[in-house]
PDB file of N, CA and C in Angstrom:
ATOM      1  N   MET A   1       1.036  20.049   3.892  1.00  0.00           N
ATOM      2  CA  MET A   1       0.719  19.257   3.014  1.00  0.00           C
ATOM      3  C   MET A   1      -0.426  18.765   4.195  1.00  0.00           C
ATOM      4  N   ASP A   2      -1.742  18.186   3.560  1.00  0.00           N
ATOM      5  CA  ASP A   2      -2.673  17.613   4.020  1.00  0.00           C
ATOM      6  C   ASP A   2      -2.882  16.333   3.698  1.00  0.00           C
ATOM      7  N   CYS A   3      -1.965  15.337   3.558  1.00  0.00           N
ATOM      8  CA  CYS A   3      -2.096  14.091   2.948  1.00  0.00           C
ATOM      9  C   CYS A   3      -2.410  12.952   4.336  1.00  0.00           C
ATOM     10  N   ILE A   4      -3.397  12.293   3.938  1.00  0.00           N
ATOM     11  CA  ILE A   4      -4.083  11.344   5.343  1.00  0.00           C
ATOM     12  C   ILE A   4      -2.545  10.100   5.452  1.00  0.00           C
ATOM     13  N   PHE A   5      -2.057  10.268   4.386  1.00  0.00           N
ATOM     14  CA  PHE A   5      -0.591   8.791   4.644  1.00  0.00           C
ATOM     15  C   PHE A   5       0.447   9.455   5.411  1.00  0.00           C
ATOM     16  N   CYS A   6       0.745  10.544   4.810  1.00  0.00           N
ATOM     17  CA  CYS A   6       1.669  11.530   5.524  1.00  0.00           C
ATOM     18  C   CYS A   6       1.394  11.402   7.510  1.00  0.00           C
ATOM     19  N   LYS A   7       0.102  11.277   7.142  1.00  0.00           N
ATOM     20  CA  LYS A   7      -0.384  12.106   8.973  1.00  0.00           C
ATOM     21  C   LYS A   7      -0.175  10.598   9.634  1.00  0.00           C
ATOM     22  N   ILE A   8      -0.401   9.409   8.980  1.00  0.00           N
ATOM     23  CA  ILE A   8      -0.438   8.268   9.242  1.00  0.00           C
ATOM     24  C   ILE A   8       0.745   7.554   9.635  1.00  0.00           C
ATOM     25  N   ILE A   9       2.142   7.985   8.620  1.00  0.00           N
ATOM     26  CA  ILE A   9       3.077   8.054   8.666  1.00  0.00           C
ATOM     27  C   ILE A   9       3.720   9.044   9.946  1.00  0.00           C
ATOM     28  N   ASN A  10       3.687  10.004  10.298  1.00  0.00           N
ATOM     29  CA  ASN A  10       4.019  10.667  11.202  1.00  0.00           C
ATOM     30  C   ASN A  10       3.635  10.525  12.689  1.00  0.00           C
ATOM     31  N   GLY A  11       2.379   9.924  12.400  1.00  0.00           N
ATOM     32  CA  GLY A  11       1.826   8.914  14.324  1.00  0.00           C
ATOM     33  C   GLY A  11       0.794   9.891  14.101  1.00  0.00           C
ATOM     34  N   GLU A  12       0.092  10.914  13.440  1.00  0.00           N
ATOM     35  CA  GLU A  12      -1.020  11.933  13.526  1.00  0.00           C
ATOM     36  C   GLU A  12      -2.433  11.734  13.440  1.00  0.00           C
ATOM     37  N   ILE A  13      -2.176  10.379  12.902  1.00  0.00           N
ATOM     38  CA  ILE A  13      -3.341   9.738  12.583  1.00  0.00           C
ATOM     39  C   ILE A  13      -3.224   8.149  12.798  1.00  0.00           C
ATOM     40  N   PRO A  14      -3.802   7.737  14.114  1.00  0.00           N
ATOM     41  CA  PRO A  14      -3.560   5.591  14.328  1.00  0.00           C
ATOM     42  C   PRO A  14      -3.989   5.084  12.966  1.00  0.00           C
ATOM     43  N   SER A  15      -3.110   3.903  13.022  1.00  0.00           N
ATOM     44  CA  SER A  15      -3.548   2.821  11.713  1.00  0.00           C
ATOM     45  C   SER A  15      -3.241   1.765  12.891  1.00  0.00           C
ATOM     46  N   ASN A  16      -3.964   0.091  12.364  1.00  0.00           N
ATOM     47  CA  ASN A  16      -3.475  -0.876  12.403  1.00  0.00           C
ATOM     48  C   ASN A  16      -2.313  -1.608  11.856  1.00  0.00           C
ATOM     49  N   LYS A  17      -1.207  -1.338  12.299  1.00  0.00           N
ATOM     50  CA  LYS A  17       0.175  -1.753  11.662  1.00  0.00           C
ATOM     51  C   LYS A  17       0.574  -2.936  11.806  1.00  0.00           C
ATOM     52  N   LEU A  18       0.974  -3.109  10.429  1.00  0.00           N
ATOM     53  CA  LEU A  18       1.471  -4.142  10.193  1.00  0.00           C
ATOM     54  C   LEU A  18       2.439  -4.583  10.149  1.00  0.00           C
ATOM     55  N   TYR A  19       3.739  -3.418   9.718  1.00  0.00           N
ATOM     56  CA  TYR A  19       4.886  -3.667   9.273  1.00  0.00           C
ATOM     57  C   TYR A  19       5.469  -2.272   9.010  1.00  0.00           C
ATOM     58  N   GLU A  20       6.957  -1.938   9.613  1.00  0.00           N
ATOM     59  CA  GLU A  20       7.024  -0.690   9.430  1.00  0.00           C
ATOM     60  C   GLU A  20       8.932  -0.655   9.738  1.00  0.00           C
ATOM     61  N   ASP A  21       9.270   0.366   8.733  1.00  0.00           N
ATOM     62  CA  ASP A  21      11.045   0.458   8.627  1.00  0.00           C
ATOM     63  C   ASP A  21      11.069   1.926   7.868  1.00  0.00           C
ATOM     64  N   GLU A  22      12.461   2.155   8.169  1.00  0.00           N
ATOM     65  CA  GLU A  22      13.001   3.355   7.975  1.00  0.00           C
ATOM     66  C   GLU A  22      12.383   3.816   6.604  1.00  0.00           C
ATOM     67  N   LYS A  23      11.826   3.285   5.599  1.00  0.00           N
ATOM     68  CA  LYS A  23      11.315   3.675   4.360  1.00  0.00           C
ATOM     69  C   LYS A  23       9.641   3.135   4.287  1.00  0.00           C
ATOM     70  N   ILE A  24       9.450   2.259   4.855  1.00  0.00           N
ATOM     71  CA  ILE A  24       7.940   2.153   4.379  1.00  0.00           C
ATOM     72  C   ILE A  24       7.452   2.011   5.692  1.00  0.00           C
ATOM     73  N   ILE A  25       6.012   1.586   5.488  1.00  0.00           N
ATOM     74  CA  ILE A  25       5.158   1.497   6.636  1.00  0.00           C
ATOM     75  C   ILE A  25       3.434   0.884   6.020  1.00  0.00           C
ATOM     76  N   ALA A  26       3.288  -0.441   6.609  1.00  0.00           N
ATOM     77  CA  ALA A  26       2.137  -1.047   6.077  1.00  0.00           C
ATOM     78  C   ALA A  26       1.312  -1.444   7.064  1.00  0.00           C
ATOM     79  N   PHE A  27       0.161  -1.323   6.484  1.00  0.00           N
ATOM     80  CA  PHE A  27      -1.444  -0.808   7.569  1.00  0.00           C
ATOM     81  C   PHE A  27      -2.926  -1.570   7.088  1.00  0.00           C
ATOM     82  N   HIS A  28      -3.334  -2.260   7.738  1.00  0.00           N
ATOM     83  CA  HIS A  28      -4.765  -2.943   7.356  1.00  0.00           C
ATOM     84  C   HIS A  28      -5.665  -1.482   7.065  1.00  0.00           C
ATOM     85  N   ASP A  29      -6.472  -1.839   5.953  1.00  0.00           N
ATOM     86  CA  ASP A  29      -6.968  -1.025   5.532  1.00  0.00           C
ATOM     87  C   ASP A  29      -8.577  -0.804   6.217  1.00  0.00           C
ATOM     88  N   ILE A  30      -9.046   0.222   6.642  1.00  0.00           N
ATOM     89  CA  ILE A  30     -10.047   0.716   7.070  1.00  0.00           C
ATOM     90  C   ILE A  30     -11.475   0.369   6.674  1.00  0.00           C
ATOM     91  N   ASN A  31     -11.367   0.014   5.259  1.00  0.00           N
ATOM     92  CA  ASN A  31     -12.727  -0.401   4.576  1.00  0.00           C
ATOM     93  C   ASN A  31     -12.153  -1.294   3.647  1.00  0.00           C
ATOM     94  N   PRO A  32     -11.730  -2.580   4.061  1.00  0.00           N
ATOM     95  CA  PRO A  32     -11.117  -3.724   3.510  1.00  0.00           C
ATOM     96  C   PRO A  32     -12.187  -4.608   2.217  1.00  0.00           C
ATOM     97  N   GLU A  33     -12.026  -4.950   1.249  1.00  0.00           N
ATOM     98  CA  GLU A  33     -12.218  -5.053  -0.119  1.00  0.00           C
ATOM     99  C   GLU A  33     -12.366  -6.388   0.208  1.00  0.00           C
ATOM    100  N   ALA A  34     -11.634  -7.622   0.955  1.00  0.00           N
ATOM    101  CA  ALA A  34     -11.473  -8.575   1.007  1.00  0.00           C
ATOM    102  C   ALA A  34     -11.093  -9.270   2.820  1.00  0.00           C
ATOM    103  N   LYS A  35     -11.170 -10.498   2.391  1.00  0.00           N
ATOM    104  CA  LYS A  35     -10.689 -10.806   3.940  1.00  0.00           C
ATOM    105  C   LYS A  35      -9.225 -10.432   4.693  1.00  0.00           C
ATOM    106  N   VAL A  36      -8.409 -10.143   3.828  1.00  0.00           N
ATOM    107  CA  VAL A  36      -6.789  -9.826   4.254  1.00  0.00           C
ATOM    108  C   VAL A  36      -7.470  -8.571   3.120  1.00  0.00           C
ATOM    109  N   HIS A  37      -6.721  -7.282   3.473  1.00  0.00           N
ATOM    110  CA  HIS A  37      -6.935  -6.029   2.725  1.00  0.00           C
ATOM    111  C   HIS A  37      -5.631  -5.040   3.469  1.00  0.00           C
ATOM    112  N   PHE A  38      -4.392  -5.117   3.102  1.00  0.00           N
ATOM    113  CA  PHE A  38      -3.819  -3.983   3.584  1.00  0.00           C
ATOM    114  C   PHE A  38      -3.083  -3.272   2.278  1.00  0.00           C
ATOM    115  N   LEU A  39      -2.204  -1.880   2.911  1.00  0.00           N
ATOM    116  CA  LEU A  39      -1.593  -1.081   2.338  1.00  0.00           C
ATOM    117  C   LEU A  39      -0.241  -1.147   2.488  1.00  0.00           C
ATOM    118  N   VAL A  40       0.465  -1.077   1.544  1.00  0.00           N
ATOM    119  CA  VAL A  40       1.912  -0.757   1.654  1.00  0.00           C
ATOM    120  C   VAL A  40       2.703   0.914   1.255  1.00  0.00           C
ATOM    121  N   VAL A  41       2.802   1.948   1.552  1.00  0.00           N
ATOM    122  CA  VAL A  41       3.249   3.332   1.386  1.00  0.00           C
ATOM    123  C   VAL A  41       4.456   3.278   2.013  1.00  0.00           C
ATOM    124  N   PRO A  42       5.239   4.199   0.834  1.00  0.00           N
ATOM    125  CA  PRO A  42       6.271   4.904   1.199  1.00  0.00           C
ATOM    126  C   PRO A  42       6.328   5.550   2.466  1.00  0.00           C
ATOM    127  N   LYS A  43       7.405   5.770   3.114  1.00  0.00           N
ATOM    128  CA  LYS A  43       7.231   6.993   4.295  1.00  0.00           C
ATOM    129  C   LYS A  43       7.496   8.123   3.122  1.00  0.00           C
ATOM    130  N   GLU A  44       8.349   8.266   2.437  1.00  0.00           N
ATOM    131  CA  GLU A  44       8.526   9.536   1.126  1.00  0.00           C
ATOM    132  C   GLU A  44       7.717   9.861   0.182  1.00  0.00           C
ATOM    133  N   HIS A  45       6.630  11.063   0.571  1.00  0.00           N
ATOM    134  CA  HIS A  45       5.577  11.778  -0.332  1.00  0.00           C
ATOM    135  C   HIS A  45       5.944  11.652  -2.181  1.00  0.00           C
ATOM    136  N   ILE A  46       5.432  10.513  -2.728  1.00  0.00           N
ATOM    137  CA  ILE A  46       5.359  10.385  -3.791  1.00  0.00           C
ATOM    138  C   ILE A  46       4.275  10.383  -4.427  1.00  0.00           C
ATOM    139  N   CYS A  47       3.752  11.360  -5.067  1.00  0.00           N
ATOM    140  CA  CYS A  47       2.304  11.404  -5.121  1.00  0.00           C
ATOM    141  C   CYS A  47       1.516  10.510  -5.817  1.00  0.00           C
ATOM    142  N   CYS A  48       2.468   9.576  -7.096  1.00  0.00           N
ATOM    143  CA  CYS A  48       1.524   8.543  -7.692  1.00  0.00           C
ATOM    144  C   CYS A  48       2.680   7.949  -8.892  1.00  0.00           C
ATOM    145  N   ALA A  49       2.325   6.733  -9.303  1.00  0.00           N
ATOM    146  CA  ALA A  49       3.606   6.119 -10.487  1.00  0.00           C
ATOM    147  C   ALA A  49       4.297   7.052 -11.344  1.00  0.00           C
ATOM    148  N   ASP A  50       3.261   8.164 -11.719  1.00  0.00           N
ATOM    149  CA  ASP A  50       4.001   8.944 -12.799  1.00  0.00           C
ATOM    150  C   ASP A  50       4.819   9.487 -12.366  1.00  0.00           C
ATOM    151  N   LYS A  51       5.235   9.365 -11.233  1.00  0.00           N
ATOM    152  CA  LYS A  51       6.674  10.488 -10.348  1.00  0.00           C
ATOM    153  C   LYS A  51       7.676   9.525  -9.788  1.00  0.00           C
ATOM    154  N   ILE A  52       7.204   8.175 -10.595  1.00  0.00           N
ATOM    155  CA  ILE A  52       8.738   7.197  -9.907  1.00  0.00           C
ATOM    156  C   ILE A  52       9.755   7.390 -10.651  1.00  0.00           C
ATOM    157  N   ASP A  53      11.031   8.120 -10.382  1.00  0.00           N
ATOM    158  CA  ASP A  53      11.700   8.392 -11.295  1.00  0.00           C
ATOM    159  C   ASP A  53      13.445   7.627 -10.279  1.00  0.00           C
ATOM    160  N   SER A  54      14.592   8.114 -10.750  1.00  0.00           N
ATOM    161  CA  SER A  54      16.236   7.620 -10.523  1.00  0.00           C
ATOM    162  C   SER A  54      16.484   7.816  -8.950  1.00  0.00           C
ATOM    163  N   THR A  55      15.627   9.093  -8.601  1.00  0.00           N
ATOM    164  CA  THR A  55      15.455   9.271  -6.926  1.00  0.00           C
ATOM    165  C   THR A  55      15.014   8.348  -6.179  1.00  0.00           C
ATOM    166  N   ASN A  56      13.692   8.118  -6.424  1.00  0.00           N
ATOM    167  CA  ASN A  56      13.133   7.235  -5.618  1.00  0.00           C
ATOM    168  C   ASN A  56      12.928   5.757  -5.916  1.00  0.00           C
ATOM    169  N   SER A  57      12.874   5.521  -7.031  1.00  0.00           N
ATOM    170  CA  SER A  57      12.693   4.084  -7.481  1.00  0.00           C
ATOM    171  C   SER A  57      13.136   2.830  -6.592  1.00  0.00           C
ATOM    172  N   GLN A  58      14.128   3.273  -5.952  1.00  0.00           N
ATOM    173  CA  GLN A  58      14.964   2.310  -4.642  1.00  0.00           C
ATOM    174  C   GLN A  58      13.692   2.075  -3.813  1.00  0.00           C
ATOM    175  N   ILE A  59      13.252   2.935  -3.465  1.00  0.00           N
ATOM    176  CA  ILE A  59      11.884   2.656  -2.426  1.00  0.00           C
ATOM    177  C   ILE A  59      10.760   1.952  -2.676  1.00  0.00           C
ATOM    178  N   ILE A  60      10.057   2.026  -4.414  1.00  0.00           N
ATOM    179  CA  ILE A  60       9.589   0.906  -5.087  1.00  0.00           C
ATOM    180  C   ILE A  60       9.555  -0.244  -4.945  1.00  0.00           C
ATOM    181  N   ALA A  61      10.914  -0.464  -5.067  1.00  0.00           N
ATOM    182  CA  ALA A  61      11.625  -1.669  -5.240  1.00  0.00           C
ATOM    183  C   ALA A  61      11.540  -2.280  -3.619  1.00  0.00           C
ATOM    184  N   HIS A  62      11.711  -1.387  -2.856  1.00  0.00           N
ATOM    185  CA  HIS A  62      12.118  -1.920  -1.288  1.00  0.00           C
ATOM    186  C   HIS A  62      10.735  -2.866  -0.974  1.00  0.00           C
ATOM    187  N   ILE A  63       9.590  -1.805  -1.200  1.00  0.00           N
ATOM    188  CA  ILE A  63       8.341  -2.157  -1.590  1.00  0.00           C
ATOM    189  C   ILE A  63       7.983  -3.534  -2.135  1.00  0.00           C
ATOM    190  N   PHE A  64       8.462  -3.980  -3.061  1.00  0.00           N
ATOM    191  CA  PHE A  64       7.881  -5.274  -4.019  1.00  0.00           C
ATOM    192  C   PHE A  64       9.039  -6.131  -3.256  1.00  0.00           C
ATOM    193  N   GLU A  65      10.001  -5.993  -2.950  1.00  0.00           N
ATOM    194  CA  GLU A  65      10.749  -6.846  -2.349  1.00  0.00           C
ATOM    195  C   GLU A  65      10.152  -7.397  -0.895  1.00  0.00           C
ATOM    196  N   LEU A  66       9.497  -6.528  -0.335  1.00  0.00           N
ATOM    197  CA  LEU A  66       8.812  -6.772   0.947  1.00  0.00           C
ATOM    198  C   LEU A  66       7.686  -7.365   1.149  1.00  0.00           C
ATOM    199  N   ILE A  67       6.844  -7.326  -0.257  1.00  0.00           N
ATOM    200  CA  ILE A  67       5.286  -7.772  -0.374  1.00  0.00           C
ATOM    201  C   ILE A  67       5.137  -9.104  -0.299  1.00  0.00           C
ATOM    202  N   PRO A  68       6.257 -10.165  -0.446  1.00  0.00           N
ATOM    203  CA  PRO A  68       5.878 -11.406  -0.184  1.00  0.00           C
ATOM    204  C   PRO A  68       6.054 -12.049   1.196  1.00  0.00           C
ATOM    205  N   ALA A  69       6.993 -11.403   2.258  1.00  0.00           N
ATOM    206  CA  ALA A  69       6.748 -11.654   3.598  1.00  0.00           C
ATOM    207  C   ALA A  69       5.629 -10.622   4.314  1.00  0.00           C
ATOM    208  N   LEU A  70       5.468  -9.722   4.147  1.00  0.00           N
ATOM    209  CA  LEU A  70       4.010  -9.068   4.630  1.00  0.00           C
ATOM    210  C   LEU A  70       3.130  -9.734   4.089  1.00  0.00           C
ATOM    211  N   ALA A  71       2.647 -10.172   2.601  1.00  0.00           N
ATOM    212  CA  ALA A  71       1.903 -11.250   2.614  1.00  0.00           C
ATOM    213  C   ALA A  71       1.479 -12.541   3.661  1.00  0.00           C
ATOM    214  N   LYS A  72       2.661 -13.160   4.172  1.00  0.00           N
ATOM    215  CA  LYS A  72       2.723 -14.189   4.457  1.00  0.00           C
ATOM    216  C   LYS A  72       2.636 -13.765   5.607  1.00  0.00           C
ATOM    217  N   LYS A  73       2.894 -12.811   6.221  1.00  0.00           N
ATOM    218  CA  LYS A  73       2.646 -12.263   7.537  1.00  0.00           C
ATOM    219  C   LYS A  73       1.204 -12.127   8.328  1.00  0.00           C
ATOM    220  N   ALA A  74       0.679 -11.885   6.708  1.00  0.00           N
ATOM    221  CA  ALA A  74      -1.137 -11.222   6.960  1.00  0.00           C
ATOM    222  C   ALA A  74      -2.130 -12.537   6.699  1.00  0.00           C
ATOM    223  N   GLY A  75      -1.266 -13.953   6.646  1.00  0.00           N
ATOM    224  CA  GLY A  75      -1.713 -14.754   5.755  1.00  0.00           C
ATOM    225  C   GLY A  75      -1.851 -15.607   5.031  1.00  0.00           C
ATOM    226  N   LEU A  76      -1.795 -14.994   4.275  1.00  0.00           N
ATOM    227  CA  LEU A  76      -2.209 -15.005   2.469  1.00  0.00           C
ATOM    228  C   LEU A  76      -1.285 -16.233   2.328  1.00  0.00           C
ATOM    229  N   GLU A  77      -1.643 -17.625   2.334  1.00  0.00           N
ATOM    230  CA  GLU A  77      -0.793 -18.540   1.718  1.00  0.00           C
ATOM    231  C   GLU A  77      -1.178 -18.757   0.489  1.00  0.00           C
ATOM    232  N   ASN A  78      -2.377 -18.718  -0.335  1.00  0.00           N
ATOM    233  CA  ASN A  78      -2.794 -19.238  -1.368  1.00  0.00           C
ATOM    234  C   ASN A  78      -2.785 -18.041  -2.619  1.00  0.00           C
ATOM    235  N   GLY A  79      -2.102 -17.373  -2.346  1.00  0.00           N
ATOM    236  CA  GLY A  79      -2.244 -15.883  -3.557  1.00  0.00           C
ATOM    237  C   GLY A  79      -2.838 -14.424  -2.877  1.00  0.00           C
ATOM    238  N   TYR A  80      -2.195 -13.414  -3.929  1.00  0.00           N
ATOM    239  CA  TYR A  80      -3.019 -12.186  -3.167  1.00  0.00           C
ATOM    240  C   TYR A  80      -3.019 -11.272  -4.808  1.00  0.00           C
ATOM    241  N   ARG A  81      -3.557 -10.148  -4.517  1.00  0.00           N
ATOM    242  CA  ARG A  81      -3.442  -9.286  -5.372  1.00  0.00           C
ATOM    243  C   ARG A  81      -2.851  -8.074  -5.145  1.00  0.00           C
ATOM    244  N   ILE A  82      -2.382  -6.904  -5.612  1.00  0.00           N
ATOM    245  CA  ILE A  82      -1.230  -6.342  -5.851  1.00  0.00           C
ATOM    246  C   ILE A  82      -2.243  -5.112  -6.550  1.00  0.00           C
ATOM    247  N   ILE A  83      -2.646  -3.768  -6.229  1.00  0.00           N
ATOM    248  CA  ILE A  83      -3.414  -3.194  -6.815  1.00  0.00           C
ATOM    249  C   ILE A  83      -2.844  -1.445  -6.610  1.00  0.00           C
ATOM    250  N   ASN A  84      -2.162  -0.677  -7.698  1.00  0.00           N
ATOM    251  CA  ASN A  84      -1.974   0.417  -7.717  1.00  0.00           C
ATOM    252  C   ASN A  84      -2.693   1.519  -8.275  1.00  0.00           C
ATOM    253  N   ASN A  85      -3.316   2.073  -8.097  1.00  0.00           N
ATOM    254  CA  ASN A  85      -3.916   3.234  -8.579  1.00  0.00           C
ATOM    255  C   ASN A  85      -3.226   4.925  -8.916  1.00  0.00           C
ATOM    256  N   CYS A  86      -3.291   5.242 -10.277  1.00  0.00           N
ATOM    257  CA  CYS A  86      -2.639   6.016 -10.477  1.00  0.00           C
ATOM    258  C   CYS A  86      -3.630   7.256 -11.273  1.00  0.00           C
ATOM    259  N   GLY A  87      -3.875   8.316 -10.678  1.00  0.00           N
ATOM    260  CA  GLY A  87      -4.732   9.267 -11.369  1.00  0.00           C
ATOM    261  C   GLY A  87      -5.828   9.562 -10.832  1.00  0.00           C
ATOM    262  N   GLU A  88      -6.566  10.479 -11.382  1.00  0.00           N
ATOM    263  CA  GLU A  88      -7.851  10.525 -11.218  1.00  0.00           C
ATOM    264  C   GLU A  88      -8.852   9.249 -11.512  1.00  0.00           C
ATOM    265  N   ASP A  89      -8.337   9.510 -13.176  1.00  0.00           N
ATOM    266  CA  ASP A  89      -9.112   8.418 -13.898  1.00  0.00           C
ATOM    267  C   ASP A  89      -9.118   6.889 -13.340  1.00  0.00           C
ATOM    268  N   ALA A  90      -8.462   6.641 -12.733  1.00  0.00           N
ATOM    269  CA  ALA A  90      -7.994   5.408 -12.074  1.00  0.00           C
ATOM    270  C   ALA A  90      -8.541   5.132 -10.925  1.00  0.00           C
ATOM    271  N   CYS A  91      -9.309   6.123 -10.373  1.00  0.00           N
ATOM    272  CA  CYS A  91      -9.641   6.465  -8.815  1.00  0.00           C
ATOM    273  C   CYS A  91      -8.514   6.535  -7.809  1.00  0.00           C
ATOM    274  N   GLN A  92      -7.403   7.178  -8.085  1.00  0.00           N
ATOM    275  CA  GLN A  92      -6.542   7.439  -6.663  1.00  0.00           C
ATOM    276  C   GLN A  92      -6.954   8.176  -6.144  1.00  0.00           C
ATOM    277  N   SER A  93      -7.463   7.759  -4.746  1.00  0.00           N
ATOM    278  CA  SER A  93      -8.320   8.242  -3.498  1.00  0.00           C
ATOM    279  C   SER A  93      -7.353   9.323  -2.954  1.00  0.00           C
ATOM    280  N   VAL A  94      -6.326   8.892  -2.636  1.00  0.00           N
ATOM    281  CA  VAL A  94      -5.027   9.504  -1.600  1.00  0.00           C
ATOM    282  C   VAL A  94      -3.806   9.931  -2.584  1.00  0.00           C
ATOM    283  N   PRO A  95      -3.345  10.935  -2.727  1.00  0.00           N
ATOM    284  CA  PRO A  95      -2.614  11.654  -3.711  1.00  0.00           C
ATOM    285  C   PRO A  95      -0.922  10.878  -3.246  1.00  0.00           C
ATOM    286  N   HIS A  96      -0.939   9.597  -2.807  1.00  0.00           N
ATOM    287  CA  HIS A  96       0.645   9.467  -1.945  1.00  0.00           C
ATOM    288  C   HIS A  96       0.496   7.987  -3.048  1.00  0.00           C
ATOM    289  N   ILE A  97       1.398   7.533  -3.158  1.00  0.00           N
ATOM    290  CA  ILE A  97       1.339   6.233  -4.115  1.00  0.00           C
ATOM    291  C   ILE A  97       1.765   5.171  -2.692  1.00  0.00           C
ATOM    292  N   HIS A  98       0.992   4.000  -3.105  1.00  0.00           N
ATOM    293  CA  HIS A  98       0.251   3.386  -2.417  1.00  0.00           C
ATOM    294  C   HIS A  98      -0.071   1.690  -2.908  1.00  0.00           C
ATOM    295  N   PHE A  99       0.069   1.049  -2.235  1.00  0.00           N
ATOM    296  CA  PHE A  99      -0.117  -0.481  -2.899  1.00  0.00           C
ATOM    297  C   PHE A  99      -1.155  -1.311  -2.142  1.00  0.00           C
ATOM    298  N   HIS A 100      -2.165  -1.811  -2.959  1.00  0.00           N
ATOM    299  CA  HIS A 100      -3.333  -2.596  -1.811  1.00  0.00           C
ATOM    300  C   HIS A 100      -2.915  -3.713  -1.993  1.00  0.00           C
ATOM    301  N   ILE A 101      -2.645  -4.656  -0.847  1.00  0.00           N
ATOM    302  CA  ILE A 101      -2.292  -6.036  -0.688  1.00  0.00           C
ATOM    303  C   ILE A 101      -3.682  -6.912  -0.190  1.00  0.00           C
ATOM    304  N   ILE A 102      -4.486  -7.452  -1.267  1.00  0.00           N
ATOM    305  CA  ILE A 102      -5.896  -7.950  -0.995  1.00  0.00           C
ATOM    306  C   ILE A 102      -5.718  -9.704  -1.465  1.00  0.00           C
ATOM    307  N   GLY A 103      -6.118 -10.272  -0.460  1.00  0.00           N
ATOM    308  CA  GLY A 103      -6.338 -11.904  -0.533  1.00  0.00           C
ATOM    309  C   GLY A 103      -7.227 -12.438   0.605  1.00  0.00           C
ATOM    310  N   GLY A 104      -7.240 -13.682   0.746  1.00  0.00           N
ATOM    311  CA  GLY A 104      -7.476 -14.426   1.884  1.00  0.00           C
ATOM    312  C   GLY A 104      -8.662 -15.030   1.552  1.00  0.00           C
ATOM    313  N   GLU A 105      -8.927 -15.266   0.334  1.00  0.00           N
ATOM    314  CA  GLU A 105     -10.454 -15.647  -0.233  1.00  0.00           C
ATOM    315  C   GLU A 105     -10.227 -15.674  -1.739  1.00  0.00           C
ATOM    316  N   LYS A 106     -11.113 -16.362  -2.231  1.00  0.00           N
ATOM    317  CA  LYS A 106     -11.102 -16.287  -3.592  1.00  0.00           C
ATOM    318  C   LYS A 106     -12.233 -14.480  -4.317  1.00  0.00           C
ATOM    319  N   LEU A 107     -10.941 -14.342  -5.131  1.00  0.00           N
ATOM    320  CA  LEU A 107     -11.140 -13.120  -5.563  1.00  0.00           C
ATOM    321  C   LEU A 107     -11.713 -12.868  -6.634  1.00  0.00           C
ATOM    322  N   PRO A 108     -12.961 -11.685  -6.520  1.00  0.00           N
ATOM    323  CA  PRO A 108     -13.464 -11.830  -8.130  1.00  0.00           C
ATOM    324  C   PRO A 108     -12.834 -11.162  -9.336  1.00  0.00           C
ATOM    325  N   GLU A 109     -13.097 -11.323  -9.918  1.00  0.00           N
ATOM    326  CA  GLU A 109     -12.171 -11.071 -11.419  1.00  0.00           C
ATOM    327  C   GLU A 109     -11.487  -9.516 -11.372  1.00  0.00           C
ATOM    328  N   HIS A 110     -12.378  -8.554 -10.753  1.00  0.00           N
ATOM    329  CA  HIS A 110     -12.158  -7.000 -10.847  1.00  0.00           C
ATOM    330  C   HIS A 110     -12.782  -6.491  -8.986  1.00  0.00           C
ATOM    331  N   ILE A 111     -11.600  -6.038  -8.613  1.00  0.00           N
ATOM    332  CA  ILE A 111     -11.818  -5.209  -7.959  1.00  0.00           C
ATOM    333  C   ILE A 111     -11.181  -3.702  -7.514  1.00  0.00           C
ATOM    334  N   LYS A 112     -11.723  -2.959  -7.599  1.00  0.00           N
ATOM    335  CA  LYS A 112     -11.133  -1.714  -8.223  1.00  0.00           C
ATOM    336  C   LYS A 112      -9.981  -1.322  -6.589  1.00  0.00           C
TER     337      LYS A 112
END
């Protein structure tokens, strides 16, 4: 599999890691769209939100349980945006489910 996020998870590609545990990794985006922009990615390869089911939904729940603490750790005190793109029409650039956490400044109404 030629998945950039799987390569980051396996240590084949370096990242500016914010957090890691047995289920997920969080790292800063290399092309930030705001002062703070990091990704939260499950270590299990799930291609997109369409593939969340009863066998992997606990990983997604784990991500959302940790997002508030990760946002605080990243200095997001006044709110943040969580973005997930699913599929080609939504501009999902990496076919491995991930969540963008964006903030640190007043955000425009729309960020892709």
